[in-house]
Protein backbone atom coordinates (compact mmCIF):
# COMPACT_ATOMS: atom_id res chain seq x y z
CA MET A 1 -23.71 25.38 -23.47
CA ALA A 2 -23.14 23.54 -20.31
CA ALA A 3 -19.23 23.83 -18.86
CA THR A 4 -19.60 19.96 -18.90
CA GLU A 5 -20.39 19.62 -22.56
CA GLN A 6 -17.44 21.82 -23.62
CA SER A 7 -14.29 19.67 -24.96
CA GLY A 8 -11.12 20.54 -23.06
CA ASP A 9 -13.33 21.81 -19.74
CA SER A 10 -11.65 20.63 -16.38
CA HIS A 11 -15.38 19.92 -15.46
CA ARG A 12 -16.29 16.51 -16.05
CA ASP A 13 -20.04 14.86 -16.15
CA TYR A 14 -19.96 12.28 -13.29
CA GLY A 15 -23.06 10.71 -14.57
CA SER A 16 -21.44 9.75 -17.55
CA PRO A 17 -20.49 6.01 -17.82
CA ALA A 18 -16.91 6.93 -18.93
CA THR A 19 -16.17 8.74 -16.14
CA TRP A 20 -17.40 5.87 -13.63
CA GLY A 21 -14.91 3.57 -15.66
CA ASP A 22 -11.85 6.14 -15.22
CA VAL A 23 -12.93 6.22 -11.42
CA GLU A 24 -13.38 2.24 -11.28
CA ARG A 25 -9.79 2.26 -13.13
CA VAL A 26 -7.94 4.47 -10.76
CA ARG A 27 -9.75 2.69 -7.48
CA LEU A 28 -8.46 -0.54 -8.86
CA SER A 29 -5.08 0.75 -9.48
CA LEU A 30 -4.91 2.28 -6.02
CA GLU A 31 -6.05 -0.85 -4.26
CA ALA A 32 -3.29 -2.88 -6.03
CA GLN A 33 -0.56 -0.28 -4.70
CA ILE A 34 -2.43 -0.79 -1.36
CA ALA A 35 -1.75 -4.71 -1.52
CA ARG A 36 1.43 -3.88 -2.57
CA SER A 37 2.20 -1.42 0.45
CA GLU A 38 0.32 -3.91 2.89
CA THR A 39 2.67 -6.87 1.54
CA HIS A 40 5.82 -5.01 1.83
CA LEU A 41 5.03 -3.72 5.38
CA THR A 42 4.35 -7.15 6.46
CA ARG A 43 7.55 -8.68 5.21
CA TRP A 44 9.51 -5.69 6.70
CA ILE A 45 7.46 -6.35 10.44
CA VAL A 46 8.44 -10.56 9.71
CA GLY A 47 11.78 -9.49 9.24
CA VAL A 48 12.46 -7.19 12.42
CA MET A 49 11.01 -9.84 14.44
CA ALA A 50 13.31 -12.08 13.23
CA ALA A 51 16.01 -10.28 13.49
CA GLY A 52 15.04 -9.62 17.11
CA VAL A 53 14.58 -13.13 17.94
CA ALA A 54 17.60 -13.56 16.88
CA VAL A 55 19.23 -11.12 18.88
CA VAL A 56 17.86 -12.18 21.82
CA GLY A 57 18.83 -15.74 21.13
CA VAL A 58 22.51 -14.28 20.93
CA LEU A 59 22.65 -12.62 24.20
CA LEU A 60 20.74 -15.46 26.17
CA GLY A 61 23.77 -17.85 24.61
CA LEU A 62 26.32 -14.98 25.66
CA LEU A 63 24.67 -14.87 29.42
CA GLU A 64 25.00 -18.73 29.41
CA ALA A 65 28.36 -18.56 28.35
CA LEU A 66 29.48 -15.84 31.25
CA ARG A 67 28.13 -18.30 34.04
C-alpha cells in the first residue's frame, strides 16, 4: 500500500480535491489575517502622522509665543 493511502500517515495525496480544499481554506485564512494586519498597520501609521502634525503645531505655537 502506498504511503499516501495509509490512514494516519503524515504524507498526503496532493492530487486529492479534499486536500486542495484544505489548502484553499488555509489560504483564505491567511489572506484574512494579512488584511487585518494591513488595516492595523495603516491605522497605526495614520495615528503616528497625526501625532507628528500635532507636535509640529505645538512647537510652532511655542516659537510664535516666544518671539
